[in-house]
Amino acid sequence: AGGAQGTARLTGLTLGSLLMSLMFGLLPAHSAARWGLA
């Protein structure tokens, strides 16, 4: 259970980083951050 909790956390952190990489890759810098927050 502890391993699953840690894995879920790290998986989420990786997906969050990937999401922002996509935002910065697809959108202008001035709007990528706002869309990332959304």
ModelCIF file with pLDDT and N, C-alpha, C, O atoms, coordinates in Angstrom:
data_MODEL
#
_entry.id   MODEL 
#
_entity.id                         1 
_entity.type                       polymer 
_entity.pdbx_number_of_molecules   1 
#
_entity_poly.entity_id                      1 
_entity_poly.type                           'polypeptide(L)' 
_entity_poly.nstd_linkage                   no 
_entity_poly.nstd_monomer                   no 
_entity_poly.pdbx_seq_one_letter_code       AGGAQGTARLTGLTLGSLLMSLMFGLLPAHSAARWGLA 
_entity_poly.pdbx_seq_one_letter_code_can   AGGAQGTARLTGLTLGSLLMSLMFGLLPAHSAARWGLA 
_entity_poly.pdbx_strand_id                 A 
#
loop_
_entity_poly_seq.entity_id 
_entity_poly_seq.num 
_entity_poly_seq.mon_id 
_entity_poly_seq.hetero 
1 1  ALA n 
1 2  GLY n 
1 3  GLY n 
1 4  ALA n 
1 5  GLN n 
1 6  GLY n 
1 7  THR n 
1 8  ALA n 
1 9  ARG n 
1 10 LEU n 
1 11 THR n 
1 12 GLY n 
1 13 LEU n 
1 14 THR n 
1 15 LEU n 
1 16 GLY n 
1 17 SER n 
1 18 LEU n 
1 19 LEU n 
1 20 MET n 
1 21 SER n 
1 22 LEU n 
1 23 MET n 
1 24 PHE n 
1 25 GLY n 
1 26 LEU n 
1 27 LEU n 
1 28 PRO n 
1 29 ALA n 
1 30 HIS n 
1 31 SER n 
1 32 ALA n 
1 33 ALA n 
1 34 ARG n 
1 35 TRP n 
1 36 GLY n 
1 37 LEU n 
1 38 ALA n 
#
_struct_asym.id          A 
_struct_asym.entity_id   1 
#
loop_
_ma_qa_metric.id 
_ma_qa_metric.mode 
_ma_qa_metric.name 
_ma_qa_metric.software_group_id 
_ma_qa_metric.type 
1 global pLDDT . pLDDT 
2 local  pLDDT . pLDDT 
#
_ma_qa_metric_global.metric_id      1 
_ma_qa_metric_global.metric_value   83.82 
_ma_qa_metric_global.model_id       1 
_ma_qa_metric_global.ordinal_id     1 
#
loop_
_ma_qa_metric_local.label_asym_id 
_ma_qa_metric_local.label_comp_id 
_ma_qa_metric_local.label_seq_id 
_ma_qa_metric_local.metric_id 
_ma_qa_metric_local.metric_value 
_ma_qa_metric_local.model_id 
_ma_qa_metric_local.ordinal_id 
A ALA 1  2 88.00 1 1  
A GLY 2  2 86.00 1 2  
A GLY 3  2 87.00 1 3  
A ALA 4  2 89.00 1 4  
A GLN 5  2 87.00 1 5  
A GLY 6  2 86.00 1 6  
A THR 7  2 88.00 1 7  
A ALA 8  2 90.00 1 8  
A ARG 9  2 87.00 1 9  
A LEU 10 2 84.00 1 10 
A THR 11 2 86.00 1 11 
A GLY 12 2 88.00 1 12 
A LEU 13 2 83.00 1 13 
A THR 14 2 81.00 1 14 
A LEU 15 2 86.00 1 15 
A GLY 16 2 87.00 1 16 
A SER 17 2 79.00 1 17 
A LEU 18 2 80.00 1 18 
A LEU 19 2 85.00 1 19 
A MET 20 2 84.00 1 20 
A SER 21 2 78.00 1 21 
A LEU 22 2 81.00 1 22 
A MET 23 2 83.00 1 23 
A PHE 24 2 81.00 1 24 
A GLY 25 2 77.00 1 25 
A LEU 26 2 78.00 1 26 
A LEU 27 2 80.00 1 27 
A PRO 28 2 78.00 1 28 
A ALA 29 2 69.00 1 29 
A HIS 30 2 69.00 1 30 
A SER 31 2 82.00 1 31 
A ALA 32 2 85.00 1 32 
A ALA 33 2 84.00 1 33 
A ARG 34 2 87.00 1 34 
A TRP 35 2 90.00 1 35 
A GLY 36 2 89.00 1 36 
A LEU 37 2 91.00 1 37 
A ALA 38 2 92.00 1 38 
#
loop_
_atom_site.group_PDB 
_atom_site.id 
_atom_site.type_symbol 
_atom_site.label_atom_id 
_atom_site.label_alt_id 
_atom_site.label_comp_id 
_atom_site.label_asym_id 
_atom_site.label_entity_id 
_atom_site.label_seq_id 
_atom_site.pdbx_PDB_ins_code 
_atom_site.Cartn_x 
_atom_site.Cartn_y 
_atom_site.Cartn_z 
_atom_site.occupancy 
_atom_site.B_iso_or_equiv 
_atom_site.pdbx_formal_charge 
_atom_site.auth_seq_id 
_atom_site.auth_comp_id 
_atom_site.auth_asym_id 
_atom_site.auth_atom_id 
_atom_site.pdbx_PDB_model_num 
ATOM 1   N N  . ALA A 1 1  ? 0.836  -1.205 0.000   1.00 88.00 ? 1  ALA A N  1 
ATOM 2   C CA . ALA A 1 1  ? 0.000  0.000  0.000   1.00 88.00 ? 1  ALA A CA 1 
ATOM 3   C C  . ALA A 1 1  ? 0.871  1.256  0.000   1.00 88.00 ? 1  ALA A C  1 
ATOM 4   O O  . ALA A 1 1  ? 0.583  2.215  -0.716  1.00 88.00 ? 1  ALA A O  1 
ATOM 5   N N  . GLY A 1 2  ? 1.939  1.248  0.807   1.00 86.00 ? 2  GLY A N  1 
ATOM 6   C CA . GLY A 1 2  ? 2.864  2.378  0.810   1.00 86.00 ? 2  GLY A CA 1 
ATOM 7   C C  . GLY A 1 2  ? 3.561  2.547  -0.531  1.00 86.00 ? 2  GLY A C  1 
ATOM 8   O O  . GLY A 1 2  ? 3.771  3.670  -0.990  1.00 86.00 ? 2  GLY A O  1 
ATOM 9   N N  . GLY A 1 3  ? 3.920  1.427  -1.160  1.00 87.00 ? 3  GLY A N  1 
ATOM 10  C CA . GLY A 1 3  ? 4.532  1.497  -2.483  1.00 87.00 ? 3  GLY A CA 1 
ATOM 11  C C  . GLY A 1 3  ? 3.579  2.038  -3.528  1.00 87.00 ? 3  GLY A C  1 
ATOM 12  O O  . GLY A 1 3  ? 3.974  2.818  -4.395  1.00 87.00 ? 3  GLY A O  1 
ATOM 13  N N  . ALA A 1 4  ? 2.311  1.622  -3.445  1.00 89.00 ? 4  ALA A N  1 
ATOM 14  C CA . ALA A 1 4  ? 1.307  2.123  -4.386  1.00 89.00 ? 4  ALA A CA 1 
ATOM 15  C C  . ALA A 1 4  ? 1.088  3.621  -4.196  1.00 89.00 ? 4  ALA A C  1 
ATOM 16  O O  . ALA A 1 4  ? 0.919  4.360  -5.166  1.00 89.00 ? 4  ALA A O  1 
ATOM 17  N N  . GLN A 1 5  ? 1.091  4.066  -2.930  1.00 87.00 ? 5  GLN A N  1 
ATOM 18  C CA . GLN A 1 5  ? 0.913  5.499  -2.669  1.00 87.00 ? 5  GLN A CA 1 
ATOM 19  C C  . GLN A 1 5  ? 2.067  6.300  -3.273  1.00 87.00 ? 5  GLN A C  1 
ATOM 20  O O  . GLN A 1 5  ? 1.843  7.326  -3.916  1.00 87.00 ? 5  GLN A O  1 
ATOM 21  N N  . GLY A 1 6  ? 3.299  5.832  -3.067  1.00 86.00 ? 6  GLY A N  1 
ATOM 22  C CA . GLY A 1 6  ? 4.447  6.525  -3.630  1.00 86.00 ? 6  GLY A CA 1 
ATOM 23  C C  . GLY A 1 6  ? 4.460  6.490  -5.146  1.00 86.00 ? 6  GLY A C  1 
ATOM 24  O O  . GLY A 1 6  ? 4.816  7.478  -5.789  1.00 86.00 ? 6  GLY A O  1 
ATOM 25  N N  . THR A 1 7  ? 4.071  5.353  -5.725  1.00 88.00 ? 7  THR A N  1 
ATOM 26  C CA . THR A 1 7  ? 4.031  5.232  -7.175  1.00 88.00 ? 7  THR A CA 1 
ATOM 27  C C  . THR A 1 7  ? 2.960  6.137  -7.775  1.00 88.00 ? 7  THR A C  1 
ATOM 28  O O  . THR A 1 7  ? 3.181  6.761  -8.813  1.00 88.00 ? 7  THR A O  1 
ATOM 29  N N  . ALA A 1 8  ? 1.795  6.210  -7.120  1.00 90.00 ? 8  ALA A N  1 
ATOM 30  C CA . ALA A 1 8  ? 0.740  7.107  -7.596  1.00 90.00 ? 8  ALA A CA 1 
ATOM 31  C C  . ALA A 1 8  ? 1.213  8.557  -7.572  1.00 90.00 ? 8  ALA A C  1 
ATOM 32  O O  . ALA A 1 8  ? 0.940  9.322  -8.496  1.00 90.00 ? 8  ALA A O  1 
ATOM 33  N N  . ARG A 1 9  ? 1.922  8.928  -6.510  1.00 87.00 ? 9  ARG A N  1 
ATOM 34  C CA . ARG A 1 9  ? 2.433  10.296 -6.405  1.00 87.00 ? 9  ARG A CA 1 
ATOM 35  C C  . ARG A 1 9  ? 3.424  10.593 -7.532  1.00 87.00 ? 9  ARG A C  1 
ATOM 36  O O  . ARG A 1 9  ? 3.308  11.617 -8.206  1.00 87.00 ? 9  ARG A O  1 
ATOM 37  N N  . LEU A 1 10 ? 4.400  9.699  -7.739  1.00 84.00 ? 10 LEU A N  1 
ATOM 38  C CA . LEU A 1 10 ? 5.414  9.943  -8.767  1.00 84.00 ? 10 LEU A CA 1 
ATOM 39  C C  . LEU A 1 10 ? 4.820  9.875  -10.170 1.00 84.00 ? 10 LEU A C  1 
ATOM 40  O O  . LEU A 1 10 ? 5.252  10.609 -11.059 1.00 84.00 ? 10 LEU A O  1 
ATOM 41  N N  . THR A 1 11 ? 3.834  9.004  -10.380 1.00 86.00 ? 11 THR A N  1 
ATOM 42  C CA . THR A 1 11 ? 3.163  8.950  -11.677 1.00 86.00 ? 11 THR A CA 1 
ATOM 43  C C  . THR A 1 11 ? 2.439  10.262 -11.950 1.00 86.00 ? 11 THR A C  1 
ATOM 44  O O  . THR A 1 11 ? 2.510  10.794 -13.058 1.00 86.00 ? 11 THR A O  1 
ATOM 45  N N  . GLY A 1 12 ? 1.743  10.784 -10.942 1.00 88.00 ? 12 GLY A N  1 
ATOM 46  C CA . GLY A 1 12 ? 1.058  12.063 -11.102 1.00 88.00 ? 12 GLY A CA 1 
ATOM 47  C C  . GLY A 1 12 ? 2.031  13.193 -11.376 1.00 88.00 ? 12 GLY A C  1 
ATOM 48  O O  . GLY A 1 12 ? 1.775  14.036 -12.236 1.00 88.00 ? 12 GLY A O  1 
ATOM 49  N N  . LEU A 1 13 ? 3.152  13.225 -10.653 1.00 83.00 ? 13 LEU A N  1 
ATOM 50  C CA . LEU A 1 13 ? 4.152  14.273 -10.875 1.00 83.00 ? 13 LEU A CA 1 
ATOM 51  C C  . LEU A 1 13 ? 4.717  14.214 -12.295 1.00 83.00 ? 13 LEU A C  1 
ATOM 52  O O  . LEU A 1 13 ? 4.943  15.246 -12.927 1.00 83.00 ? 13 LEU A O  1 
ATOM 53  N N  . THR A 1 14 ? 4.945  12.981 -12.792 1.00 81.00 ? 14 THR A N  1 
ATOM 54  C CA . THR A 1 14 ? 5.448  12.833 -14.160 1.00 81.00 ? 14 THR A CA 1 
ATOM 55  C C  . THR A 1 14 ? 4.414  13.309 -15.173 1.00 81.00 ? 14 THR A C  1 
ATOM 56  O O  . THR A 1 14 ? 4.757  13.999 -16.133 1.00 81.00 ? 14 THR A O  1 
ATOM 57  N N  . LEU A 1 15 ? 3.143  12.942 -14.966 1.00 86.00 ? 15 LEU A N  1 
ATOM 58  C CA . LEU A 1 15 ? 2.087  13.372 -15.885 1.00 86.00 ? 15 LEU A CA 1 
ATOM 59  C C  . LEU A 1 15 ? 1.909  14.884 -15.848 1.00 86.00 ? 15 LEU A C  1 
ATOM 60  O O  . LEU A 1 15 ? 1.634  15.504 -16.876 1.00 86.00 ? 15 LEU A O  1 
ATOM 61  N N  . GLY A 1 16 ? 2.065  15.483 -14.663 1.00 87.00 ? 16 GLY A N  1 
ATOM 62  C CA . GLY A 1 16 ? 1.969  16.940 -14.558 1.00 87.00 ? 16 GLY A CA 1 
ATOM 63  C C  . GLY A 1 16 ? 3.077  17.633 -15.337 1.00 87.00 ? 16 GLY A C  1 
ATOM 64  O O  . GLY A 1 16 ? 2.839  18.635 -16.012 1.00 87.00 ? 16 GLY A O  1 
ATOM 65  N N  . SER A 1 17 ? 4.290  17.094 -15.239 1.00 79.00 ? 17 SER A N  1 
ATOM 66  C CA . SER A 1 17 ? 5.404  17.653 -16.010 1.00 79.00 ? 17 SER A CA 1 
ATOM 67  C C  . SER A 1 17 ? 5.159  17.503 -17.510 1.00 79.00 ? 17 SER A C  1 
ATOM 68  O O  . SER A 1 17 ? 5.412  18.427 -18.282 1.00 79.00 ? 17 SER A O  1 
ATOM 69  N N  . LEU A 1 18 ? 4.661  16.327 -17.920 1.00 80.00 ? 18 LEU A N  1 
ATOM 70  C CA . LEU A 1 18 ? 4.366  16.098 -19.332 1.00 80.00 ? 18 LEU A CA 1 
ATOM 71  C C  . LEU A 1 18 ? 3.287  17.054 -19.818 1.00 80.00 ? 18 LEU A C  1 
ATOM 72  O O  . LEU A 1 18 ? 3.376  17.582 -20.927 1.00 80.00 ? 18 LEU A O  1 
ATOM 73  N N  . LEU A 1 19 ? 2.270  17.278 -18.993 1.00 85.00 ? 19 LEU A N  1 
ATOM 74  C CA . LEU A 1 19 ? 1.199  18.203 -19.363 1.00 85.00 ? 19 LEU A CA 1 
ATOM 75  C C  . LEU A 1 19 ? 1.746  19.594 -19.648 1.00 85.00 ? 19 LEU A C  1 
ATOM 76  O O  . LEU A 1 19 ? 1.376  20.222 -20.640 1.00 85.00 ? 19 LEU A O  1 
ATOM 77  N N  . MET A 1 20 ? 2.632  20.075 -18.771 1.00 84.00 ? 20 MET A N  1 
ATOM 78  C CA . MET A 1 20 ? 3.188  21.413 -18.974 1.00 84.00 ? 20 MET A CA 1 
ATOM 79  C C  . MET A 1 20 ? 4.148  21.446 -20.162 1.00 84.00 ? 20 MET A C  1 
ATOM 80  O O  . MET A 1 20 ? 4.243  22.466 -20.844 1.00 84.00 ? 20 MET A O  1 
ATOM 81  N N  . SER A 1 21 ? 4.857  20.353 -20.420 1.00 78.00 ? 21 SER A N  1 
ATOM 82  C CA . SER A 1 21 ? 5.707  20.302 -21.608 1.00 78.00 ? 21 SER A CA 1 
ATOM 83  C C  . SER A 1 21 ? 4.857  20.432 -22.863 1.00 78.00 ? 21 SER A C  1 
ATOM 84  O O  . SER A 1 21 ? 5.237  21.122 -23.809 1.00 78.00 ? 21 SER A O  1 
ATOM 85  N N  . LEU A 1 22 ? 3.709  19.768 -22.869 1.00 81.00 ? 22 LEU A N  1 
ATOM 86  C CA . LEU A 1 22 ? 2.797  19.873 -24.006 1.00 81.00 ? 22 LEU A CA 1 
ATOM 87  C C  . LEU A 1 22 ? 2.248  21.292 -24.141 1.00 81.00 ? 22 LEU A C  1 
ATOM 88  O O  . LEU A 1 22 ? 2.145  21.819 -25.248 1.00 81.00 ? 22 LEU A O  1 
ATOM 89  N N  . MET A 1 23 ? 1.900  21.903 -23.019 1.00 83.00 ? 23 MET A N  1 
ATOM 90  C CA . MET A 1 23 ? 1.371  23.261 -23.064 1.00 83.00 ? 23 MET A CA 1 
ATOM 91  C C  . MET A 1 23 ? 2.397  24.228 -23.651 1.00 83.00 ? 23 MET A C  1 
ATOM 92  O O  . MET A 1 23 ? 2.064  25.041 -24.513 1.00 83.00 ? 23 MET A O  1 
ATOM 93  N N  . PHE A 1 24 ? 3.640  24.138 -23.186 1.00 81.00 ? 24 PHE A N  1 
ATOM 94  C CA . PHE A 1 24 ? 4.686  25.041 -23.674 1.00 81.00 ? 24 PHE A CA 1 
ATOM 95  C C  . PHE A 1 24 ? 5.074  24.722 -25.117 1.00 81.00 ? 24 PHE A C  1 
ATOM 96  O O  . PHE A 1 24 ? 5.526  25.602 -25.850 1.00 81.00 ? 24 PHE A O  1 
ATOM 97  N N  . GLY A 1 25 ? 4.895  23.451 -25.528 1.00 77.00 ? 25 GLY A N  1 
ATOM 98  C CA . GLY A 1 25 ? 5.216  23.082 -26.898 1.00 77.00 ? 25 GLY A CA 1 
ATOM 99  C C  . GLY A 1 25 ? 4.153  23.482 -27.895 1.00 77.00 ? 25 GLY A C  1 
ATOM 100 O O  . GLY A 1 25 ? 4.456  23.724 -29.064 1.00 77.00 ? 25 GLY A O  1 
ATOM 101 N N  . LEU A 1 26 ? 2.903  23.555 -27.447 1.00 78.00 ? 26 LEU A N  1 
ATOM 102 C CA . LEU A 1 26 ? 1.793  23.815 -28.359 1.00 78.00 ? 26 LEU A CA 1 
ATOM 103 C C  . LEU A 1 26 ? 1.306  25.255 -28.353 1.00 78.00 ? 26 LEU A C  1 
ATOM 104 O O  . LEU A 1 26 ? 0.705  25.706 -29.328 1.00 78.00 ? 26 LEU A O  1 
ATOM 105 N N  . LEU A 1 27 ? 1.556  25.989 -27.265 1.00 80.00 ? 27 LEU A N  1 
ATOM 106 C CA . LEU A 1 27 ? 0.988  27.326 -27.108 1.00 80.00 ? 27 LEU A CA 1 
ATOM 107 C C  . LEU A 1 27 ? 2.079  28.367 -26.941 1.00 80.00 ? 27 LEU A C  1 
ATOM 108 O O  . LEU A 1 27 ? 3.194  28.032 -26.541 1.00 80.00 ? 27 LEU A O  1 
ATOM 109 N N  . PRO A 1 28 ? 1.776  29.627 -27.242 1.00 78.00 ? 28 PRO A N  1 
ATOM 110 C CA . PRO A 1 28 ? 2.729  30.698 -26.937 1.00 78.00 ? 28 PRO A CA 1 
ATOM 111 C C  . PRO A 1 28 ? 3.011  30.763 -25.443 1.00 78.00 ? 28 PRO A C  1 
ATOM 112 O O  . PRO A 1 28 ? 2.151  30.426 -24.629 1.00 78.00 ? 28 PRO A O  1 
ATOM 113 N N  . ALA A 1 29 ? 4.209  31.193 -25.085 1.00 69.00 ? 29 ALA A N  1 
ATOM 114 C CA . ALA A 1 29 ? 4.633  31.170 -23.682 1.00 69.00 ? 29 ALA A CA 1 
ATOM 115 C C  . ALA A 1 29 ? 3.697  31.970 -22.778 1.00 69.00 ? 29 ALA A C  1 
ATOM 116 O O  . ALA A 1 29 ? 3.468  31.587 -21.631 1.00 69.00 ? 29 ALA A O  1 
ATOM 117 N N  . HIS A 1 30 ? 3.146  33.097 -23.295 1.00 69.00 ? 30 HIS A N  1 
ATOM 118 C CA . HIS A 1 30 ? 2.334  33.960 -22.433 1.00 69.00 ? 30 HIS A CA 1 
ATOM 119 C C  . HIS A 1 30 ? 0.998  33.321 -22.067 1.00 69.00 ? 30 HIS A C  1 
ATOM 120 O O  . HIS A 1 30 ? 0.405  33.664 -21.045 1.00 69.00 ? 30 HIS A O  1 
ATOM 121 N N  . SER A 1 31 ? 0.518  32.385 -22.903 1.00 82.00 ? 31 SER A N  1 
ATOM 122 C CA . SER A 1 31 ? -0.769 31.750 -22.602 1.00 82.00 ? 31 SER A CA 1 
ATOM 123 C C  . SER A 1 31 ? -0.637 30.313 -22.105 1.00 82.00 ? 31 SER A C  1 
ATOM 124 O O  . SER A 1 31 ? -1.586 29.754 -21.556 1.00 82.00 ? 31 SER A O  1 
ATOM 125 N N  . ALA A 1 32 ? 0.559  29.706 -22.299 1.00 85.00 ? 32 ALA A N  1 
ATOM 126 C CA . ALA A 1 32 ? 0.742  28.316 -21.879 1.00 85.00 ? 32 ALA A CA 1 
ATOM 127 C C  . ALA A 1 32 ? 0.582  28.153 -20.377 1.00 85.00 ? 32 ALA A C  1 
ATOM 128 O O  . ALA A 1 32 ? 0.001  27.171 -19.915 1.00 85.00 ? 32 ALA A O  1 
ATOM 129 N N  . ALA A 1 33 ? 1.100  29.117 -19.605 1.00 84.00 ? 33 ALA A N  1 
ATOM 130 C CA . ALA A 1 33 ? 1.020  29.002 -18.147 1.00 84.00 ? 33 ALA A CA 1 
ATOM 131 C C  . ALA A 1 33 ? -0.431 29.086 -17.672 1.00 84.00 ? 33 ALA A C  1 
ATOM 132 O O  . ALA A 1 33 ? -0.850 28.322 -16.803 1.00 84.00 ? 33 ALA A O  1 
ATOM 133 N N  . ARG A 1 34 ? -1.196 30.020 -18.248 1.00 87.00 ? 34 ARG A N  1 
ATOM 134 C CA . ARG A 1 34 ? -2.601 30.141 -17.835 1.00 87.00 ? 34 ARG A CA 1 
ATOM 135 C C  . ARG A 1 34 ? -3.395 28.877 -18.184 1.00 87.00 ? 34 ARG A C  1 
ATOM 136 O O  . ARG A 1 34 ? -4.191 28.389 -17.381 1.00 87.00 ? 34 ARG A O  1 
ATOM 137 N N  . TRP A 1 35 ? -3.166 28.357 -19.392 1.00 90.00 ? 35 TRP A N  1 
ATOM 138 C CA . TRP A 1 35 ? -3.836 27.121 -19.769 1.00 90.00 ? 35 TRP A CA 1 
ATOM 139 C C  . TRP A 1 35 ? -3.363 25.948 -18.913 1.00 90.00 ? 35 TRP A C  1 
ATOM 140 O O  . TRP A 1 35 ? -4.140 25.052 -18.583 1.00 90.00 ? 35 TRP A O  1 
ATOM 141 N N  . GLY A 1 36 ? -2.081 25.967 -18.559 1.00 89.00 ? 36 GLY A N  1 
ATOM 142 C CA . GLY A 1 36 ? -1.573 24.922 -17.685 1.00 89.00 ? 36 GLY A CA 1 
ATOM 143 C C  . GLY A 1 36 ? -2.252 24.924 -16.333 1.00 89.00 ? 36 GLY A C  1 
ATOM 144 O O  . GLY A 1 36 ? -2.572 23.865 -15.795 1.00 89.00 ? 36 GLY A O  1 
ATOM 145 N N  . LEU A 1 37 ? -2.476 26.118 -15.775 1.00 91.00 ? 37 LEU A N  1 
ATOM 146 C CA . LEU A 1 37 ? -3.200 26.218 -14.502 1.00 91.00 ? 37 LEU A CA 1 
ATOM 147 C C  . LEU A 1 37 ? -4.632 25.716 -14.649 1.00 91.00 ? 37 LEU A C  1 
ATOM 148 O O  . LEU A 1 37 ? -5.164 25.067 -13.749 1.00 91.00 ? 37 LEU A O  1 
ATOM 149 N N  . ALA A 1 38 ? -5.253 26.021 -15.788 1.00 92.00 ? 38 ALA A N  1 
ATOM 150 C CA . ALA A 1 38 ? -6.620 25.538 -16.013 1.00 92.00 ? 38 ALA A CA 1 
ATOM 151 C C  . ALA A 1 38 ? -6.641 24.015 -16.096 1.00 92.00 ? 38 ALA A C  1 
ATOM 152 O O  . ALA A 1 38 ? -7.704 23.422 -16.283 1.00 92.00 ? 38 ALA A O  1 
#
